[in-house]
Amino acid sequence: MLLMPAIDLRGGHCVRLLRGDFAAETRYDVEPAALLDRYRELGARWLHVVDLDGAREGRQSNRDLILGLAAQSALHLQVGGGIRDSTTIEALLHGGVARVVVGSAAVMKPDQVLMWLRRFGADAITLAFDVRLDEHRVPRCVTHGWQLQTATTLWQALDAFRSAPLRHVLCTDVERDGAMSGPNLDLYQEAVRRYPDIEWQASGGVRSTADLQALAGIGVRATISGRALLEDTLDRGELEPFLPNA
């Protein structure tokens, strides 16, 4: 399994939100380019970058900064936040981004996203589904920067793409995002069981290398980590199996 460090951008700064709450922001005193270098030196091959302003507003507010990171060619960038049209996808891929993340549009406009998958290919697009569990512990999708709760289940959202050339899916349990309470192993185990051909990416709650080992054990292909890496709660001596360039 691959560990993919995350950089969340808001107003050009590296931040983390707690459970998707924009009012519960922690800002870190490190420049995005310096953080990219830190993760490259750690041994990462991929970097997950989220434009939080874009996720909330529907347009990429940090695009110039993101393209500057991509231009360094130090890591493969997977970029999300506010990607809701093919023009934005094309611009990011042309600018050196390796893979774009489509979130809200995958829930709200699946037919359109199907066309993007066919046009750009399975390796160029990751579908991202952010979920909250309802009272019956059913994962239901939230969209628009975690601001809009929908009735659509994760499984219903994915079923819309059964005919698509879909390979990469990122799933975030919003209630665990930034909380360092441990990943939702039951959720990802069910996801891998239902859709074994998808290369699942897990996000939310990672706090230790034991969490990484547990996710690898159930078949998750990549794990996103933001806060745990920023605050050095992961034992770097135990990270080598998850970092291909370590």
Protein backbone atom coordinates (compact mmCIF):
# COMPACT_ATOMS: atom_id res chain seq x y z
CA MET A 1 0.00 0.00 0.00
CA LEU A 2 1.14 3.53 -0.84
CA LEU A 3 1.26 6.37 1.68
CA MET A 4 0.27 9.61 -0.03
CA PRO A 5 1.04 12.78 1.98
CA ALA A 6 -1.54 15.54 1.72
CA ILE A 7 -1.30 19.31 1.47
CA ASP A 8 -4.57 21.18 2.01
CA LEU A 9 -4.49 24.76 0.73
CA ARG A 10 -6.62 27.67 1.88
CA GLY A 11 -5.71 31.18 0.85
CA GLY A 12 -2.31 29.91 -0.25
CA HIS A 13 -1.49 28.46 3.18
CA CYS A 14 -1.10 24.87 4.39
CA VAL A 15 -3.99 24.08 6.70
CA ARG A 16 -6.02 21.22 8.14
CA LEU A 17 -9.72 21.23 8.93
CA LEU A 18 -11.31 19.23 11.72
CA ARG A 19 -14.13 17.01 10.40
CA GLY A 20 -14.52 19.23 7.34
CA ASP A 21 -15.41 22.32 9.39
CA PHE A 22 -14.00 25.49 7.81
CA ALA A 23 -14.37 27.22 11.19
CA ALA A 24 -12.09 24.61 12.78
CA GLU A 25 -8.92 25.34 10.84
CA THR A 26 -5.33 24.79 11.90
CA ARG A 27 -2.76 26.72 9.90
CA TYR A 28 0.79 25.37 9.70
CA ASP A 29 3.80 27.63 9.47
CA VAL A 30 5.37 25.98 6.44
CA GLU A 31 5.36 26.95 2.79
CA PRO A 32 3.70 24.46 0.41
CA ALA A 33 6.87 24.10 -1.68
CA ALA A 34 8.95 23.39 1.44
CA LEU A 35 6.43 20.79 2.55
CA LEU A 36 6.59 19.14 -0.86
CA ASP A 37 10.38 18.93 -0.49
CA ARG A 38 10.00 17.43 2.97
CA TYR A 39 7.75 14.68 1.68
CA ARG A 40 9.98 14.00 -1.32
CA GLU A 41 12.93 13.54 1.03
CA LEU A 42 10.81 11.24 3.18
CA GLY A 43 10.41 8.93 0.19
CA ALA A 44 6.95 9.77 -1.14
CA ARG A 45 6.23 9.29 -4.82
CA TRP A 46 2.79 10.94 -4.86
CA LEU A 47 1.44 14.09 -3.21
CA HIS A 48 -2.28 14.68 -2.68
CA VAL A 49 -3.14 18.40 -2.93
CA VAL A 50 -6.57 19.84 -2.10
CA ASP A 51 -7.70 23.36 -2.97
CA LEU A 52 -10.11 23.88 -0.07
CA ASP A 53 -11.21 27.26 -1.42
CA GLY A 54 -12.03 25.56 -4.69
CA ALA A 55 -13.96 22.75 -2.99
CA ARG A 56 -16.11 25.30 -1.21
CA GLU A 57 -16.53 27.85 -3.99
CA GLY A 58 -16.53 25.62 -7.08
CA ARG A 59 -13.53 27.28 -8.72
CA GLN A 60 -9.82 26.77 -8.20
CA SER A 61 -8.52 29.70 -6.18
CA ASN A 62 -5.05 28.23 -5.62
CA ARG A 63 -4.38 27.03 -9.17
CA ASP A 64 -1.25 29.10 -9.78
CA LEU A 65 0.29 27.77 -6.58
CA ILE A 66 -0.65 24.20 -7.49
CA LEU A 67 0.78 24.50 -11.00
CA GLY A 68 3.96 25.88 -9.47
CA LEU A 69 4.25 22.76 -7.33
CA ALA A 70 3.58 20.55 -10.34
CA ALA A 71 6.26 22.35 -12.35
CA GLN A 72 8.92 21.16 -9.90
CA SER A 73 8.37 17.59 -11.17
CA ALA A 74 9.57 16.35 -7.78
CA LEU A 75 6.50 14.23 -7.07
CA HIS A 76 3.44 13.07 -8.94
CA LEU A 77 0.59 15.38 -7.94
CA GLN A 78 -2.99 14.25 -7.40
CA VAL A 79 -5.07 17.43 -7.20
CA GLY A 80 -8.65 18.05 -6.12
CA GLY A 81 -10.97 20.82 -5.01
CA GLY A 82 -13.30 22.75 -7.30
CA ILE A 83 -12.80 20.55 -10.36
CA ARG A 84 -16.23 20.64 -11.97
CA ASP A 85 -15.59 21.02 -15.71
CA SER A 86 -13.43 19.46 -18.39
CA THR A 87 -11.58 22.73 -19.06
CA THR A 88 -10.16 22.70 -15.54
CA ILE A 89 -9.15 19.04 -15.88
CA GLU A 90 -7.40 19.74 -19.16
CA ALA A 91 -5.57 22.78 -17.76
CA LEU A 92 -4.29 20.88 -14.73
CA LEU A 93 -3.13 17.86 -16.73
CA HIS A 94 -1.47 20.14 -19.29
CA GLY A 95 0.22 21.98 -16.41
CA GLY A 96 1.92 18.85 -15.13
CA VAL A 97 -0.61 17.45 -12.65
CA ALA A 98 -0.56 13.65 -12.92
CA ARG A 99 -4.10 12.95 -11.75
CA VAL A 100 -7.11 15.11 -10.97
CA VAL A 101 -9.70 14.40 -8.29
CA VAL A 102 -13.37 14.85 -9.13
CA GLY A 103 -15.61 15.00 -6.08
CA SER A 104 -18.92 16.83 -6.02
CA ALA A 105 -19.51 16.46 -9.75
CA ALA A 106 -19.22 12.66 -9.44
CA VAL A 107 -22.27 12.71 -7.17
CA MET A 108 -24.25 15.54 -8.76
CA LYS A 109 -23.45 15.02 -12.47
CA PRO A 110 -22.38 11.38 -12.97
CA ASP A 111 -23.23 11.32 -16.69
CA GLN A 112 -20.89 14.22 -17.32
CA VAL A 113 -18.13 12.64 -15.24
CA LEU A 114 -18.54 9.40 -17.19
CA MET A 115 -17.64 11.34 -20.32
CA TRP A 116 -14.56 12.79 -18.60
CA LEU A 117 -13.37 9.32 -17.60
CA ARG A 118 -13.72 8.11 -21.17
CA ARG A 119 -12.02 11.20 -22.57
CA PHE A 120 -9.07 11.49 -20.19
CA GLY A 121 -8.67 7.86 -19.14
CA ALA A 122 -8.78 5.87 -15.93
CA ASP A 123 -5.27 6.85 -14.80
CA ALA A 124 -5.89 10.59 -15.11
CA ILE A 125 -8.92 10.84 -12.82
CA THR A 126 -9.66 9.84 -9.24
CA LEU A 127 -13.27 9.96 -8.11
CA ALA A 128 -13.60 11.23 -4.55
CA PHE A 129 -16.58 10.45 -2.35
CA ASP A 130 -16.75 12.17 1.03
CA VAL A 131 -19.23 10.43 3.33
CA ARG A 132 -20.92 10.68 6.70
CA LEU A 133 -22.51 7.65 8.29
CA ASP A 134 -26.24 7.93 9.00
CA GLU A 135 -28.01 6.48 12.05
CA HIS A 136 -27.90 3.04 10.42
CA ARG A 137 -24.17 3.44 9.66
CA VAL A 138 -24.85 3.74 5.95
CA PRO A 139 -22.27 5.99 4.22
CA ARG A 140 -24.03 8.92 2.53
CA CYS A 141 -22.22 11.39 0.29
CA VAL A 142 -21.56 15.00 1.18
CA THR A 143 -20.56 17.53 -1.48
CA HIS A 144 -19.39 21.11 -2.07
CA GLY A 145 -16.56 21.12 0.44
CA TRP A 146 -18.50 18.96 2.91
CA GLN A 147 -21.23 21.61 3.16
CA LEU A 148 -24.11 19.74 1.48
CA GLN A 149 -25.42 16.44 2.84
CA THR A 150 -27.10 14.23 0.24
CA ALA A 151 -29.29 11.14 0.51
CA THR A 152 -27.09 9.31 -2.01
CA THR A 153 -25.21 6.38 -0.53
CA LEU A 154 -21.62 5.68 -1.45
CA TRP A 155 -22.74 2.46 -3.13
CA GLN A 156 -25.40 4.23 -5.22
CA ALA A 157 -22.86 6.84 -6.31
CA LEU A 158 -20.40 4.16 -7.39
CA ASP A 159 -23.01 2.09 -9.21
CA ALA A 160 -23.44 5.01 -11.63
CA PHE A 161 -19.91 4.29 -12.90
CA ARG A 162 -20.07 0.54 -13.44
CA SER A 163 -19.71 1.03 -17.21
CA ALA A 164 -16.85 3.51 -16.86
CA PRO A 165 -13.09 2.95 -17.14
CA LEU A 166 -12.82 3.64 -13.41
CA ARG A 167 -9.70 2.66 -11.46
CA HIS A 168 -9.00 5.14 -8.65
CA VAL A 169 -11.53 6.04 -5.93
CA LEU A 170 -10.80 8.09 -2.83
CA CYS A 171 -13.19 7.79 0.10
CA THR A 172 -13.08 10.09 3.13
CA ASP A 173 -15.04 9.54 6.32
CA VAL A 174 -15.59 13.22 7.09
CA GLU A 175 -16.22 12.68 10.81
CA ARG A 176 -12.72 11.24 11.14
CA ASP A 177 -10.93 13.73 8.88
CA GLY A 178 -8.29 15.60 10.85
CA ALA A 179 -9.45 13.97 14.10
CA MET A 180 -6.70 11.32 14.32
CA SER A 181 -9.23 8.89 15.78
CA GLY A 182 -8.25 5.97 13.55
CA PRO A 183 -9.56 5.13 10.06
CA ASN A 184 -12.99 3.62 9.50
CA LEU A 185 -11.78 0.09 8.77
CA ASP A 186 -15.30 -1.32 8.48
CA LEU A 187 -16.15 1.19 5.76
CA TYR A 188 -13.08 0.41 3.67
CA GLN A 189 -13.40 -3.33 4.16
CA GLU A 190 -16.95 -3.16 2.82
CA ALA A 191 -15.84 -0.94 -0.07
CA VAL A 192 -13.10 -3.39 -1.09
CA ARG A 193 -15.52 -6.31 -0.79
CA ARG A 194 -18.17 -4.65 -2.98
CA TYR A 195 -15.78 -3.24 -5.59
CA PRO A 196 -12.60 -5.37 -5.57
CA ASP A 197 -11.37 -4.08 -8.95
CA ILE A 198 -11.12 -0.48 -7.74
CA GLU A 199 -7.80 0.79 -6.37
CA TRP A 200 -9.19 2.30 -3.17
CA GLN A 201 -7.64 5.31 -1.43
CA ALA A 202 -8.53 5.84 2.23
CA SER A 203 -8.61 9.20 3.96
CA GLY A 204 -9.50 10.32 7.46
CA GLY A 205 -8.30 9.38 10.92
CA VAL A 206 -4.82 7.97 10.31
CA ARG A 207 -2.71 8.38 13.45
CA SER A 208 -0.09 5.60 13.45
CA THR A 209 1.75 3.08 11.31
CA ALA A 210 -0.54 0.44 12.86
CA ASP A 211 -3.43 2.18 11.06
CA LEU A 212 -1.49 1.97 7.79
CA GLN A 213 -0.82 -1.71 8.35
CA ALA A 214 -4.51 -2.36 9.08
CA LEU A 215 -5.61 -0.58 5.91
CA ALA A 216 -3.05 -2.48 3.84
CA GLY A 217 -4.33 -5.72 5.35
CA ILE A 218 -7.88 -5.18 4.08
CA GLY A 219 -6.78 -4.36 0.54
CA VAL A 220 -6.68 -0.54 0.45
CA ARG A 221 -4.18 0.53 -2.23
CA ALA A 222 -3.28 4.02 -0.95
CA THR A 223 -3.81 6.08 2.18
CA ILE A 224 -3.90 9.85 2.43
CA SER A 225 -2.30 11.41 5.50
CA GLY A 226 -2.23 15.07 6.36
CA ARG A 227 -2.20 15.92 10.05
CA ALA A 228 -0.34 12.82 11.24
CA LEU A 229 2.59 13.64 8.94
CA LEU A 230 2.48 17.35 9.66
CA GLU A 231 2.61 16.73 13.40
CA ASP A 232 5.07 13.79 13.22
CA THR A 233 2.87 11.26 14.99
CA LEU A 234 3.84 8.54 12.51
CA ASP A 235 7.00 6.59 13.33
CA ARG A 236 9.27 7.46 10.40
CA GLY A 237 11.35 4.38 11.02
CA GLU A 238 8.31 2.23 10.25
CA LEU A 239 7.12 4.12 7.15
CA GLU A 240 9.51 2.63 4.62
CA PRO A 241 7.12 -0.16 3.45
CA PHE A 242 4.61 2.53 2.46
CA LEU A 243 7.01 4.95 0.77
CA PRO A 244 8.46 3.59 -2.49
CA ASN A 245 11.38 6.01 -2.62
CA ALA A 246 12.44 5.70 1.02
